[in-house]
Amino acid sequence: MDLDYLEVVTDKGWQIEVRYRGVHVGCIRRSADHARYEYYHGTLNDFAYAYSNSSLDELKRLLSVRMARTPLISTGLMV
């Protein structure tokens, strides 16, 4: 799988950039109540998360499964 994660600190706080084959496709951030991790698809998406889980490892596993469906990546859509 060509999925990588890069921890970064921005002016918005801590997040993990999600990269598919080297291309930034989204980010993972903590929820406002810090109860779960949320995946935001797209590089500029700050409002609508696509997936969430209380476990970061489980969220990464889900992303690995979903990102394996390359047509979703190429269209920018996630289901």
C-alpha atoms as a PDB file:
ATOM      1  CA  MET A   1       0.000   0.000   0.000  1.00  0.00           C
ATOM      2  CA  ASP A   2       1.284   3.433  -0.876  1.00  0.00           C
ATOM      3  CA  LEU A   3      -0.216   5.188   2.122  1.00  0.00           C
ATOM      4  CA  ASP A   4       1.968   7.314   4.412  1.00  0.00           C
ATOM      5  CA  TYR A   5       1.345   9.540   7.407  1.00  0.00           C
ATOM      6  CA  LEU A   6       3.242  12.672   8.360  1.00  0.00           C
ATOM      7  CA  GLU A   7       2.710  14.402  11.713  1.00  0.00           C
ATOM      8  CA  VAL A   8       2.737  18.183  11.387  1.00  0.00           C
ATOM      9  CA  VAL A   9       1.980  21.183  13.560  1.00  0.00           C
ATOM     10  CA  THR A  10       0.183  24.023  11.792  1.00  0.00           C
ATOM     11  CA  ASP A  11      -1.405  27.269  12.897  1.00  0.00           C
ATOM     12  CA  LYS A  12      -4.565  25.160  13.373  1.00  0.00           C
ATOM     13  CA  GLY A  13      -2.765  22.732  15.689  1.00  0.00           C
ATOM     14  CA  TRP A  14      -1.530  19.146  15.469  1.00  0.00           C
ATOM     15  CA  GLN A  15      -2.601  16.957  12.577  1.00  0.00           C
ATOM     16  CA  ILE A  16      -1.464  14.006  10.524  1.00  0.00           C
ATOM     17  CA  GLU A  17      -1.206  14.490   6.777  1.00  0.00           C
ATOM     18  CA  VAL A  18      -2.409  11.456   4.850  1.00  0.00           C
ATOM     19  CA  ARG A  19      -0.439  10.855   1.676  1.00  0.00           C
ATOM     20  CA  TYR A  20      -1.240   8.391  -1.072  1.00  0.00           C
ATOM     21  CA  ARG A  21       1.714   7.652  -3.376  1.00  0.00           C
ATOM     22  CA  GLY A  22       3.330  10.840  -2.099  1.00  0.00           C
ATOM     23  CA  VAL A  23       0.327  13.066  -2.809  1.00  0.00           C
ATOM     24  CA  HIS A  24      -1.400  14.817   0.106  1.00  0.00           C
ATOM     25  CA  VAL A  25      -5.005  13.542   0.021  1.00  0.00           C
ATOM     26  CA  GLY A  26      -6.325  14.526   3.451  1.00  0.00           C
ATOM     27  CA  CYS A  27      -5.581  14.835   7.136  1.00  0.00           C
ATOM     28  CA  ILE A  28      -6.402  13.308  10.496  1.00  0.00           C
ATOM     29  CA  ARG A  29      -7.161  15.563  13.459  1.00  0.00           C
ATOM     30  CA  ARG A  30      -8.511  15.126  16.974  1.00  0.00           C
ATOM     31  CA  SER A  31     -12.165  15.958  17.494  1.00  0.00           C
ATOM     32  CA  ALA A  32     -13.037  19.083  19.473  1.00  0.00           C
ATOM     33  CA  ASP A  33     -13.739  16.986  22.576  1.00  0.00           C
ATOM     34  CA  HIS A  34     -10.593  14.852  22.015  1.00  0.00           C
ATOM     35  CA  ALA A  35     -12.716  11.681  22.149  1.00  0.00           C
ATOM     36  CA  ARG A  36     -11.881  10.495  18.625  1.00  0.00           C
ATOM     37  CA  TYR A  37      -9.737  11.012  15.547  1.00  0.00           C
ATOM     38  CA  GLU A  38     -11.373  12.391  12.392  1.00  0.00           C
ATOM     39  CA  TYR A  39     -10.234  11.991   8.787  1.00  0.00           C
ATOM     40  CA  TYR A  40     -10.867  14.969   6.491  1.00  0.00           C
ATOM     41  CA  HIS A  41     -10.599  14.104   2.792  1.00  0.00           C
ATOM     42  CA  GLY A  42      -8.947  16.774   0.642  1.00  0.00           C
ATOM     43  CA  THR A  43      -6.170  19.212   1.374  1.00  0.00           C
ATOM     44  CA  LEU A  44      -8.421  22.202   2.102  1.00  0.00           C
ATOM     45  CA  ASN A  45     -11.311  20.451   3.867  1.00  0.00           C
ATOM     46  CA  ASP A  46     -11.640  21.793   7.416  1.00  0.00           C
ATOM     47  CA  PHE A  47     -15.348  21.199   7.973  1.00  0.00           C
ATOM     48  CA  ALA A  48     -16.677  17.785   6.978  1.00  0.00           C
ATOM     49  CA  TYR A  49     -14.898  14.672   8.156  1.00  0.00           C
ATOM     50  CA  ALA A  50     -15.400  11.447   6.248  1.00  0.00           C
ATOM     51  CA  TYR A  51     -14.475   8.929   8.960  1.00  0.00           C
ATOM     52  CA  SER A  52     -13.910   8.964  12.690  1.00  0.00           C
ATOM     53  CA  ASN A  53     -12.767   6.471  15.303  1.00  0.00           C
ATOM     54  CA  SER A  54     -11.629   6.607  18.906  1.00  0.00           C
ATOM     55  CA  SER A  55      -8.556   4.572  17.914  1.00  0.00           C
ATOM     56  CA  LEU A  56      -5.985   6.149  15.618  1.00  0.00           C
ATOM     57  CA  ASP A  57      -4.756   2.701  14.549  1.00  0.00           C
ATOM     58  CA  GLU A  58      -8.281   1.601  13.621  1.00  0.00           C
ATOM     59  CA  LEU A  59      -8.845   4.785  11.631  1.00  0.00           C
ATOM     60  CA  LYS A  60      -5.578   4.207   9.743  1.00  0.00           C
ATOM     61  CA  ARG A  61      -6.643   0.607   9.052  1.00  0.00           C
ATOM     62  CA  LEU A  62      -9.975   1.822   7.651  1.00  0.00           C
ATOM     63  CA  LEU A  63      -8.199   4.357   5.445  1.00  0.00           C
ATOM     64  CA  SER A  64      -5.896   1.636   4.118  1.00  0.00           C
ATOM     65  CA  VAL A  65      -8.910  -0.432   3.102  1.00  0.00           C
ATOM     66  CA  ARG A  66     -10.726   2.520   1.537  1.00  0.00           C
ATOM     67  CA  MET A  67      -7.670   3.934  -0.245  1.00  0.00           C
ATOM     68  CA  ALA A  68      -7.058   0.552  -1.869  1.00  0.00           C
ATOM     69  CA  ARG A  69     -10.072   1.386  -4.025  1.00  0.00           C
ATOM     70  CA  THR A  70      -8.107   3.525  -6.461  1.00  0.00           C
ATOM     71  CA  PRO A  71     -11.100   4.840  -8.457  1.00  0.00           C
ATOM     72  CA  LEU A  72     -12.188   6.658  -5.293  1.00  0.00           C
ATOM     73  CA  ILE A  73      -8.789   8.281  -4.974  1.00  0.00           C
ATOM     74  CA  SER A  74      -8.611   9.364  -8.599  1.00  0.00           C
ATOM     75  CA  THR A  75     -12.031  11.027  -8.470  1.00  0.00           C
ATOM     76  CA  GLY A  76     -11.481  12.632  -5.086  1.00  0.00           C
ATOM     77  CA  LEU A  77     -14.509  10.838  -3.681  1.00  0.00           C
ATOM     78  CA  MET A  78     -14.598   8.586  -0.661  1.00  0.00           C
ATOM     79  CA  VAL A  79     -17.533   6.339   0.197  1.00  0.00           C
END
